[in-house]
Amino acid sequence: MLGLLNIAIGGGLLLAGRRLFWLFVGAVGFLIGLEVARLFVFPSELILILAALGLGLAFALFAVFVESVAIGVAGFLGGGITMLRVAALWGFDTNALRLVAFIVGGIIGVILVVWLFNWALITISSVAGASMIVSGLFLRAGERPLLFLGLAFLGIVFQGLVLQREGSARKTKHDQNP
């Protein structure tokens, strides 16, 4: 069940993470919730998923009400969790390396959000979506990095084309209404 949930949320992030900002922030909260919940012993996978979904819902509501703060927090946490997943894909499993990966990813995420908000959301949501999809599938270790890179690239290109189309539509509308 967790695999299907990862694939569904990851697909939404991969294709619409920028447009559905609340989904992006909620998915980051869900991922953080999973990582935190795994530190505790839960009697079933359902309770683990409910705990993660609860945190994801809290993050989504936070994004709606406190958007500017949520942008920075989501950039840090999204970049951190994404780098954590990427480090795991490449076999960096020690706690020290995981912490360094999370912090470095978080700093990169905040920088991207501040400087390139739309493209940061596109990149981070595509990479996070790709990592969720890959983690939800039963693949051999050698297949994961290739699928991850391919999906991330596909998400960035798709969302970039949508952003470009939206910009063209706004420009055309502005030109028609002087």
N, C-alpha and C. Protein backbone atom coordinates (compact mmCIF):
# COMPACT_ATOMS: atom_id res chain seq x y z
N MET A 1 0.82 -1.19 0.00
CA MET A 1 0.00 0.00 0.00
C MET A 1 0.87 1.26 0.00
N LEU A 2 1.95 1.24 0.77
CA LEU A 2 2.85 2.39 0.81
C LEU A 2 3.48 2.63 -0.56
N GLY A 3 3.79 1.54 -1.28
CA GLY A 3 4.36 1.68 -2.62
C GLY A 3 3.42 2.39 -3.57
N LEU A 4 2.14 2.03 -3.55
CA LEU A 4 1.16 2.68 -4.42
C LEU A 4 0.97 4.14 -4.05
N LEU A 5 0.97 4.43 -2.76
CA LEU A 5 0.85 5.81 -2.31
C LEU A 5 2.05 6.64 -2.77
N ASN A 6 3.25 6.08 -2.66
CA ASN A 6 4.45 6.76 -3.15
C ASN A 6 4.35 7.04 -4.65
N ILE A 7 3.89 6.05 -5.41
CA ILE A 7 3.78 6.22 -6.86
C ILE A 7 2.75 7.29 -7.21
N ALA A 8 1.59 7.28 -6.53
CA ALA A 8 0.53 8.25 -6.82
C ALA A 8 0.98 9.68 -6.47
N ILE A 9 1.50 9.87 -5.28
CA ILE A 9 1.94 11.21 -4.87
C ILE A 9 3.13 11.64 -5.73
N GLY A 10 4.05 10.71 -5.96
CA GLY A 10 5.22 11.01 -6.80
C GLY A 10 4.83 11.43 -8.20
N GLY A 11 3.83 10.76 -8.78
CA GLY A 11 3.36 11.14 -10.11
C GLY A 11 2.78 12.54 -10.14
N GLY A 12 2.02 12.89 -9.10
CA GLY A 12 1.48 14.25 -9.01
C GLY A 12 2.58 15.29 -8.90
N LEU A 13 3.58 15.00 -8.09
CA LEU A 13 4.72 15.92 -7.95
C LEU A 13 5.50 16.03 -9.26
N LEU A 14 5.72 14.90 -9.90
CA LEU A 14 6.52 14.86 -11.12
C LEU A 14 5.90 15.74 -12.21
N LEU A 15 4.59 15.71 -12.33
CA LEU A 15 3.93 16.41 -13.43
C LEU A 15 3.31 17.75 -13.06
N ALA A 16 3.04 18.00 -11.78
CA ALA A 16 2.34 19.23 -11.42
C ALA A 16 2.80 19.83 -10.10
N GLY A 17 4.02 19.55 -9.68
CA GLY A 17 4.52 20.04 -8.40
C GLY A 17 4.54 21.55 -8.28
N ARG A 18 4.84 22.25 -9.36
CA ARG A 18 4.90 23.71 -9.33
C ARG A 18 3.50 24.29 -9.24
N ARG A 19 2.58 23.77 -10.00
CA ARG A 19 1.22 24.32 -10.04
C ARG A 19 0.44 23.99 -8.78
N LEU A 20 0.71 22.83 -8.21
CA LEU A 20 0.02 22.40 -6.99
C LEU A 20 0.97 22.53 -5.81
N PHE A 21 1.28 23.78 -5.47
CA PHE A 21 2.27 24.04 -4.43
C PHE A 21 1.92 23.34 -3.13
N TRP A 22 0.65 23.34 -2.77
CA TRP A 22 0.22 22.69 -1.53
C TRP A 22 0.50 21.19 -1.58
N LEU A 23 0.38 20.58 -2.79
CA LEU A 23 0.70 19.15 -2.92
C LEU A 23 2.19 18.93 -2.70
N PHE A 24 3.00 19.83 -3.27
CA PHE A 24 4.45 19.73 -3.09
C PHE A 24 4.81 19.81 -1.61
N VAL A 25 4.29 20.80 -0.91
CA VAL A 25 4.61 20.97 0.51
C VAL A 25 4.04 19.80 1.32
N GLY A 26 2.83 19.37 0.99
CA GLY A 26 2.24 18.23 1.68
C GLY A 26 3.02 16.94 1.45
N ALA A 27 3.50 16.75 0.22
CA ALA A 27 4.29 15.54 -0.09
C ALA A 27 5.62 15.57 0.65
N VAL A 28 6.23 16.75 0.74
CA VAL A 28 7.47 16.86 1.51
C VAL A 28 7.18 16.52 2.97
N GLY A 29 6.08 17.01 3.50
CA GLY A 29 5.69 16.67 4.87
C GLY A 29 5.45 15.18 5.04
N PHE A 30 4.84 14.56 4.05
CA PHE A 30 4.61 13.12 4.07
C PHE A 30 5.94 12.37 4.11
N LEU A 31 6.89 12.79 3.25
CA LEU A 31 8.21 12.13 3.23
C LEU A 31 8.95 12.30 4.55
N ILE A 32 8.90 13.51 5.09
CA ILE A 32 9.53 13.76 6.39
C ILE A 32 8.82 12.90 7.45
N GLY A 33 7.50 12.85 7.37
CA GLY A 33 6.73 12.03 8.31
C GLY A 33 7.12 10.57 8.25
N LEU A 34 7.34 10.04 7.05
CA LEU A 34 7.77 8.65 6.92
C LEU A 34 9.14 8.43 7.57
N GLU A 35 10.06 9.36 7.30
CA GLU A 35 11.40 9.23 7.87
C GLU A 35 11.35 9.29 9.40
N VAL A 36 10.56 10.22 9.95
CA VAL A 36 10.45 10.35 11.40
C VAL A 36 9.70 9.14 11.97
N ALA A 37 8.62 8.73 11.31
CA ALA A 37 7.81 7.60 11.81
C ALA A 37 8.61 6.31 11.83
N ARG A 38 9.54 6.16 10.90
CA ARG A 38 10.35 4.94 10.87
C ARG A 38 11.29 4.84 12.07
N LEU A 39 11.54 5.97 12.73
CA LEU A 39 12.37 5.94 13.93
C LEU A 39 11.62 5.32 15.11
N PHE A 40 10.30 5.32 15.03
CA PHE A 40 9.47 4.75 16.08
C PHE A 40 8.91 3.41 15.61
N VAL A 41 8.54 2.58 16.54
CA VAL A 41 7.99 1.27 16.20
C VAL A 41 6.47 1.39 16.15
N PHE A 42 5.90 1.17 14.98
CA PHE A 42 4.45 1.19 14.82
C PHE A 42 3.97 -0.24 14.62
N PRO A 43 2.80 -0.55 15.17
CA PRO A 43 2.32 -1.94 15.07
C PRO A 43 1.93 -2.37 13.66
N SER A 44 1.66 -1.41 12.77
CA SER A 44 1.28 -1.79 11.40
C SER A 44 1.71 -0.72 10.42
N GLU A 45 1.76 -1.12 9.14
CA GLU A 45 2.09 -0.17 8.08
C GLU A 45 1.01 0.90 7.96
N LEU A 46 -0.23 0.54 8.22
CA LEU A 46 -1.33 1.49 8.14
C LEU A 46 -1.14 2.65 9.12
N ILE A 47 -0.74 2.36 10.33
CA ILE A 47 -0.51 3.41 11.32
C ILE A 47 0.68 4.28 10.90
N LEU A 48 1.72 3.67 10.34
CA LEU A 48 2.86 4.42 9.82
C LEU A 48 2.41 5.38 8.73
N ILE A 49 1.59 4.89 7.81
CA ILE A 49 1.09 5.72 6.71
C ILE A 49 0.19 6.84 7.24
N LEU A 50 -0.67 6.53 8.19
CA LEU A 50 -1.55 7.56 8.77
C LEU A 50 -0.75 8.65 9.48
N ALA A 51 0.31 8.27 10.18
CA ALA A 51 1.16 9.25 10.85
C ALA A 51 1.83 10.16 9.81
N ALA A 52 2.34 9.56 8.74
CA ALA A 52 2.99 10.34 7.68
C ALA A 52 1.97 11.23 6.96
N LEU A 53 0.79 10.70 6.69
CA LEU A 53 -0.25 11.51 6.04
C LEU A 53 -0.68 12.67 6.93
N GLY A 54 -0.76 12.44 8.23
CA GLY A 54 -1.09 13.51 9.16
C GLY A 54 -0.10 14.65 9.09
N LEU A 55 1.18 14.32 9.07
CA LEU A 55 2.19 15.37 8.96
C LEU A 55 2.13 16.04 7.59
N GLY A 56 1.87 15.25 6.55
CA GLY A 56 1.73 15.82 5.21
C GLY A 56 0.57 16.79 5.13
N LEU A 57 -0.56 16.44 5.74
CA LEU A 57 -1.72 17.33 5.77
C LEU A 57 -1.41 18.61 6.54
N ALA A 58 -0.70 18.48 7.65
CA ALA A 58 -0.30 19.66 8.42
C ALA A 58 0.58 20.58 7.58
N PHE A 59 1.52 20.00 6.84
CA PHE A 59 2.39 20.80 5.98
C PHE A 59 1.58 21.49 4.88
N ALA A 60 0.62 20.77 4.27
CA ALA A 60 -0.20 21.37 3.21
C ALA A 60 -1.01 22.54 3.75
N LEU A 61 -1.63 22.38 4.93
CA LEU A 61 -2.38 23.48 5.54
C LEU A 61 -1.45 24.65 5.87
N PHE A 62 -0.27 24.32 6.36
CA PHE A 62 0.74 25.34 6.65
C PHE A 62 1.06 26.13 5.38
N ALA A 63 1.18 25.44 4.25
CA ALA A 63 1.50 26.11 2.98
C ALA A 63 0.40 27.06 2.56
N VAL A 64 -0.84 26.69 2.80
CA VAL A 64 -1.97 27.54 2.40
C VAL A 64 -2.01 28.81 3.25
N PHE A 65 -1.75 28.69 4.56
CA PHE A 65 -1.91 29.83 5.45
C PHE A 65 -0.66 30.70 5.61
N VAL A 66 0.49 30.11 5.48
CA VAL A 66 1.74 30.85 5.70
C VAL A 66 2.68 30.59 4.52
N GLU A 67 2.25 31.01 3.35
CA GLU A 67 2.94 30.64 2.12
C GLU A 67 4.40 31.07 2.07
N SER A 68 4.71 32.30 2.44
CA SER A 68 6.10 32.77 2.29
C SER A 68 7.06 32.00 3.18
N VAL A 69 6.66 31.73 4.42
CA VAL A 69 7.50 30.94 5.32
C VAL A 69 7.55 29.49 4.82
N ALA A 70 6.41 29.00 4.36
CA ALA A 70 6.34 27.63 3.88
C ALA A 70 7.25 27.41 2.69
N ILE A 71 7.41 28.42 1.87
CA ILE A 71 8.28 28.30 0.69
C ILE A 71 9.71 28.01 1.13
N GLY A 72 10.22 28.77 2.09
CA GLY A 72 11.58 28.54 2.57
C GLY A 72 11.73 27.20 3.28
N VAL A 73 10.76 26.87 4.14
CA VAL A 73 10.80 25.60 4.86
C VAL A 73 10.70 24.43 3.87
N ALA A 74 9.78 24.54 2.92
CA ALA A 74 9.61 23.47 1.94
C ALA A 74 10.85 23.34 1.07
N GLY A 75 11.47 24.45 0.71
CA GLY A 75 12.71 24.39 -0.08
C GLY A 75 13.80 23.65 0.67
N PHE A 76 13.95 23.98 1.97
CA PHE A 76 14.98 23.31 2.77
C PHE A 76 14.66 21.83 2.94
N LEU A 77 13.44 21.55 3.38
CA LEU A 77 13.07 20.15 3.63
C LEU A 77 12.99 19.34 2.34
N GLY A 78 12.45 19.96 1.29
CA GLY A 78 12.38 19.26 0.00
C GLY A 78 13.76 18.96 -0.56
N GLY A 79 14.64 19.94 -0.51
CA GLY A 79 16.01 19.71 -0.96
C GLY A 79 16.71 18.69 -0.09
N GLY A 80 16.48 18.78 1.24
CA GLY A 80 17.12 17.85 2.16
C GLY A 80 16.66 16.41 1.98
N ILE A 81 15.34 16.22 1.91
CA ILE A 81 14.82 14.85 1.76
C ILE A 81 15.17 14.28 0.40
N THR A 82 15.18 15.14 -0.61
CA THR A 82 15.55 14.68 -1.95
C THR A 82 17.01 14.23 -1.97
N MET A 83 17.89 15.03 -1.39
CA MET A 83 19.31 14.66 -1.35
C MET A 83 19.51 13.41 -0.50
N LEU A 84 18.72 13.27 0.55
CA LEU A 84 18.77 12.07 1.38
C LEU A 84 18.41 10.83 0.56
N ARG A 85 17.36 10.93 -0.24
CA ARG A 85 16.95 9.82 -1.10
C ARG A 85 17.97 9.55 -2.19
N VAL A 86 18.52 10.60 -2.78
CA VAL A 86 19.54 10.42 -3.82
C VAL A 86 20.77 9.74 -3.22
N ALA A 87 21.18 10.17 -2.02
CA ALA A 87 22.33 9.55 -1.36
C ALA A 87 22.06 8.07 -1.11
N ALA A 88 20.83 7.74 -0.72
CA ALA A 88 20.48 6.33 -0.49
C ALA A 88 20.51 5.53 -1.79
N LEU A 89 20.06 6.16 -2.89
CA LEU A 89 20.10 5.48 -4.20
C LEU A 89 21.53 5.12 -4.59
N TRP A 90 22.46 5.97 -4.21
CA TRP A 90 23.86 5.75 -4.59
C TRP A 90 24.63 4.97 -3.52
N GLY A 91 23.93 4.54 -2.47
CA GLY A 91 24.54 3.66 -1.48
C GLY A 91 25.21 4.34 -0.30
N PHE A 92 24.96 5.63 -0.08
CA PHE A 92 25.51 6.33 1.07
C PHE A 92 24.54 6.15 2.24
N ASP A 93 24.80 5.15 3.08
CA ASP A 93 23.83 4.78 4.10
C ASP A 93 24.23 5.10 5.54
N THR A 94 25.43 5.59 5.78
CA THR A 94 25.81 5.86 7.16
C THR A 94 25.07 7.10 7.66
N ASN A 95 24.82 7.16 8.96
CA ASN A 95 24.07 8.28 9.53
C ASN A 95 24.76 9.62 9.30
N ALA A 96 26.08 9.65 9.40
CA ALA A 96 26.80 10.91 9.20
C ALA A 96 26.63 11.40 7.76
N LEU A 97 26.76 10.49 6.79
CA LEU A 97 26.59 10.89 5.39
C LEU A 97 25.15 11.29 5.10
N ARG A 98 24.20 10.62 5.73
CA ARG A 98 22.79 10.97 5.54
C ARG A 98 22.51 12.37 6.08
N LEU A 99 23.08 12.69 7.24
CA LEU A 99 22.88 14.02 7.83
C LEU A 99 23.52 15.09 6.95
N VAL A 100 24.73 14.85 6.49
CA VAL A 100 25.41 15.81 5.60
C VAL A 100 24.61 15.98 4.32
N ALA A 101 24.13 14.87 3.73
CA ALA A 101 23.34 14.95 2.51
C ALA A 101 22.07 15.76 2.73
N PHE A 102 21.41 15.56 3.87
CA PHE A 102 20.18 16.29 4.17
C PHE A 102 20.46 17.79 4.30
N ILE A 103 21.50 18.15 5.04
CA ILE A 103 21.81 19.56 5.24
C ILE A 103 22.23 20.23 3.93
N VAL A 104 23.10 19.56 3.18
CA VAL A 104 23.54 20.13 1.89
C VAL A 104 22.35 20.28 0.95
N GLY A 105 21.51 19.24 0.88
CA GLY A 105 20.32 19.32 0.04
C GLY A 105 19.38 20.42 0.50
N GLY A 106 19.24 20.60 1.80
CA GLY A 106 18.39 21.66 2.33
C GLY A 106 18.89 23.04 1.96
N ILE A 107 20.18 23.24 2.08
CA ILE A 107 20.77 24.54 1.72
C ILE A 107 20.58 24.81 0.23
N ILE A 108 20.83 23.80 -0.59
CA ILE A 108 20.63 23.95 -2.03
C ILE A 108 19.16 24.25 -2.32
N GLY A 109 18.25 23.56 -1.63
CA GLY A 109 16.82 23.79 -1.82
C GLY A 109 16.41 25.21 -1.50
N VAL A 110 16.90 25.76 -0.38
CA VAL A 110 16.57 27.14 -0.02
C VAL A 110 17.13 28.12 -1.05
N ILE A 111 18.37 27.92 -1.46
CA ILE A 111 18.98 28.81 -2.47
C ILE A 111 18.17 28.78 -3.76
N LEU A 112 17.79 27.59 -4.20
CA LEU A 112 17.00 27.48 -5.42
C LEU A 112 15.64 28.16 -5.28
N VAL A 113 15.00 27.99 -4.14
CA VAL A 113 13.68 28.59 -3.93
C VAL A 113 13.78 30.12 -3.93
N VAL A 114 14.80 30.66 -3.30
CA VAL A 114 14.92 32.12 -3.23
C VAL A 114 15.25 32.71 -4.61
N TRP A 115 16.18 32.11 -5.31
CA TRP A 115 16.64 32.69 -6.57
C TRP A 115 15.77 32.33 -7.77
N LEU A 116 15.30 31.14 -7.80
CA LEU A 116 14.58 30.66 -8.97
C LEU A 116 13.31 29.94 -8.54
N PHE A 117 12.38 30.67 -8.00
CA PHE A 117 11.22 30.05 -7.37
C PHE A 117 10.52 29.02 -8.28
N ASN A 118 10.07 29.44 -9.45
CA ASN A 118 9.34 28.51 -10.33
C ASN A 118 10.21 27.33 -10.74
N TRP A 119 11.44 27.62 -11.16
CA TRP A 119 12.32 26.53 -11.60
C TRP A 119 12.78 25.67 -10.43
N ALA A 120 12.88 26.27 -9.26
CA ALA A 120 13.21 25.47 -8.07
C ALA A 120 12.08 24.50 -7.76
N LEU A 121 10.85 24.99 -7.79
CA LEU A 121 9.71 24.11 -7.55
C LEU A 121 9.64 23.00 -8.59
N ILE A 122 9.89 23.37 -9.84
CA ILE A 122 9.87 22.38 -10.91
C ILE A 122 10.94 21.32 -10.66
N THR A 123 12.16 21.77 -10.38
CA THR A 123 13.28 20.83 -10.19
C THR A 123 13.09 19.97 -8.96
N ILE A 124 12.82 20.61 -7.83
CA ILE A 124 12.70 19.85 -6.58
C ILE A 124 11.49 18.93 -6.62
N SER A 125 10.36 19.41 -7.13
CA SER A 125 9.17 18.53 -7.18
C SER A 125 9.38 17.40 -8.17
N SER A 126 10.08 17.63 -9.27
CA SER A 126 10.35 16.56 -10.23
C SER A 126 11.29 15.51 -9.65
N VAL A 127 12.34 15.98 -8.98
CA VAL A 127 13.29 15.04 -8.38
C VAL A 127 12.63 14.29 -7.22
N ALA A 128 11.86 15.01 -6.39
CA ALA A 128 11.17 14.35 -5.28
C ALA A 128 10.13 13.36 -5.81
N GLY A 129 9.39 13.76 -6.84
CA GLY A 129 8.41 12.86 -7.44
C GLY A 129 9.06 11.62 -8.03
N ALA A 130 10.18 11.81 -8.73
CA ALA A 130 10.90 10.67 -9.30
C ALA A 130 11.39 9.74 -8.21
N SER A 131 11.90 10.31 -7.11
CA SER A 131 12.41 9.45 -6.02
C SER A 131 11.27 8.69 -5.36
N MET A 132 10.09 9.33 -5.24
CA MET A 132 8.95 8.63 -4.65
C MET A 132 8.47 7.49 -5.55
N ILE A 133 8.41 7.74 -6.84
CA ILE A 133 7.98 6.69 -7.78
C ILE A 133 8.96 5.52 -7.74
N VAL A 134 10.25 5.82 -7.80
CA VAL A 134 11.26 4.76 -7.79
C VAL A 134 11.20 3.97 -6.49
N SER A 135 11.00 4.66 -5.36
CA SER A 135 10.95 3.94 -4.09
C SER A 135 9.68 3.10 -3.97
N GLY A 136 8.64 3.44 -4.73
CA GLY A 136 7.40 2.67 -4.69
C GLY A 136 7.40 1.45 -5.59
N LEU A 137 8.42 1.32 -6.43
CA LEU A 137 8.52 0.19 -7.35
C LEU A 137 9.50 -0.84 -6.84
N PHE A 138 9.28 -2.07 -7.21
CA PHE A 138 10.21 -3.14 -6.84
C PHE A 138 11.19 -3.32 -8.00
N LEU A 139 12.34 -2.67 -7.88
CA LEU A 139 13.35 -2.70 -8.94
C LEU A 139 14.66 -3.21 -8.38
N ARG A 140 15.50 -3.70 -9.28
CA ARG A 140 16.85 -4.07 -8.87
C ARG A 140 17.66 -2.79 -8.67
N ALA A 141 18.70 -2.91 -7.87
CA ALA A 141 19.51 -1.74 -7.50
C ALA A 141 20.05 -1.02 -8.74
N GLY A 142 20.46 -1.73 -9.76
CA GLY A 142 21.02 -1.11 -10.96
C GLY A 142 20.00 -0.36 -11.79
N GLU A 143 18.73 -0.69 -11.66
CA GLU A 143 17.68 -0.04 -12.44
C GLU A 143 17.22 1.28 -11.81
N ARG A 144 17.34 1.38 -10.51
CA ARG A 144 16.82 2.55 -9.80
C ARG A 144 17.43 3.88 -10.24
N PRO A 145 18.76 4.00 -10.26
CA PRO A 145 19.32 5.31 -10.65
C PRO A 145 18.93 5.74 -12.07
N LEU A 146 18.89 4.80 -13.00
CA LEU A 146 18.54 5.16 -14.38
C LEU A 146 17.08 5.62 -14.49
N LEU A 147 16.18 4.89 -13.85
CA LEU A 147 14.77 5.29 -13.88
C LEU A 147 14.58 6.62 -13.16
N PHE A 148 15.26 6.79 -12.03
CA PHE A 148 15.19 8.04 -11.28
C PHE A 148 15.61 9.23 -12.17
N LEU A 149 16.76 9.12 -12.81
CA LEU A 149 17.25 10.21 -13.66
C LEU A 149 16.30 10.48 -14.83
N GLY A 150 15.80 9.41 -15.44
CA GLY A 150 14.88 9.57 -16.57
C GLY A 150 13.58 10.24 -16.16
N LEU A 151 13.01 9.80 -15.04
CA LEU A 151 11.77 10.41 -14.56
C LEU A 151 11.97 11.86 -14.15
N ALA A 152 13.06 12.15 -13.46
CA ALA A 152 13.34 13.53 -13.04
C ALA A 152 13.46 14.43 -14.27
N PHE A 153 14.18 13.97 -15.27
CA PHE A 153 14.33 14.75 -16.52
C PHE A 153 12.97 14.96 -17.17
N LEU A 154 12.17 13.90 -17.26
CA LEU A 154 10.84 13.99 -17.85
C LEU A 154 9.98 15.01 -17.11
N GLY A 155 10.00 14.98 -15.77
CA GLY A 155 9.21 15.92 -14.97
C GLY A 155 9.66 17.36 -15.18
N ILE A 156 10.97 17.59 -15.21
CA ILE A 156 11.49 18.94 -15.41
C ILE A 156 11.09 19.48 -16.78
N VAL A 157 11.24 18.66 -17.80
CA VAL A 157 10.89 19.08 -19.17
C VAL A 157 9.39 19.35 -19.26
N PHE A 158 8.58 18.44 -18.74
CA PHE A 158 7.12 18.60 -18.82
C PHE A 158 6.66 19.86 -18.11
N GLN A 159 7.09 20.03 -16.86
CA GLN A 159 6.67 21.21 -16.10
C GLN A 159 7.24 22.50 -16.70
N GLY A 160 8.46 22.43 -17.26
CA GLY A 160 9.04 23.59 -17.93
C GLY A 160 8.24 24.01 -19.15
N LEU A 161 7.76 23.03 -19.91
CA LEU A 161 6.92 23.33 -21.07
C LEU A 161 5.60 23.96 -20.64
N VAL A 162 5.02 23.46 -19.55
CA VAL A 162 3.78 24.03 -19.02
C VAL A 162 4.02 25.48 -18.59
N LEU A 163 5.13 25.74 -17.89
CA LEU A 163 5.47 27.10 -17.46
C LEU A 163 5.65 28.02 -18.66
N GLN A 164 6.34 27.54 -19.67
CA GLN A 164 6.57 28.33 -20.89
C GLN A 164 5.24 28.63 -21.59
N ARG A 165 4.38 27.65 -21.65
CA ARG A 165 3.07 27.83 -22.29
C ARG A 165 2.24 28.85 -21.50
N GLU A 166 2.30 28.79 -20.18
CA GLU A 166 1.56 29.76 -19.35
C GLU A 166 2.10 31.16 -19.57
N GLY A 167 3.44 31.30 -19.67
CA GLY A 167 4.04 32.61 -19.92
C GLY A 167 3.65 33.16 -21.27
N SER A 168 3.60 32.30 -22.27
CA SER A 168 3.19 32.72 -23.61
C SER A 168 1.73 33.14 -23.63
N ALA A 169 0.89 32.41 -22.91
CA ALA A 169 -0.54 32.75 -22.85
C ALA A 169 -0.75 34.09 -22.16
N ARG A 170 0.00 34.36 -21.07
CA ARG A 170 -0.12 35.64 -20.37
C ARG A 170 0.35 36.78 -21.28
N LYS A 171 1.45 36.57 -21.99
CA LYS A 171 1.98 37.61 -22.87
C LYS A 171 1.00 37.90 -24.00
N THR A 172 0.43 36.87 -24.59
CA THR A 172 -0.53 37.05 -25.67
C THR A 172 -1.77 37.79 -25.15
N LYS A 173 -2.26 37.44 -23.97
CA LYS A 173 -3.42 38.09 -23.39
C LYS A 173 -3.11 39.56 -23.10
N HIS A 174 -1.90 39.83 -22.59
CA HIS A 174 -1.49 41.21 -22.29
C HIS A 174 -1.39 42.03 -23.58
N ASP A 175 -0.85 41.44 -24.63
CA ASP A 175 -0.71 42.14 -25.92
C ASP A 175 -2.07 42.47 -26.53
N GLN A 176 -3.07 41.63 -26.30
CA GLN A 176 -4.40 41.85 -26.85
C GLN A 176 -5.18 42.91 -26.07
N ASN A 177 -4.84 43.10 -24.80
CA ASN A 177 -5.55 44.06 -23.95
C ASN A 177 -4.60 45.17 -23.50
N PRO A 178 -4.33 46.15 -24.36
CA PRO A 178 -3.37 47.22 -23.97
C PRO A 178 -3.91 48.15 -22.92
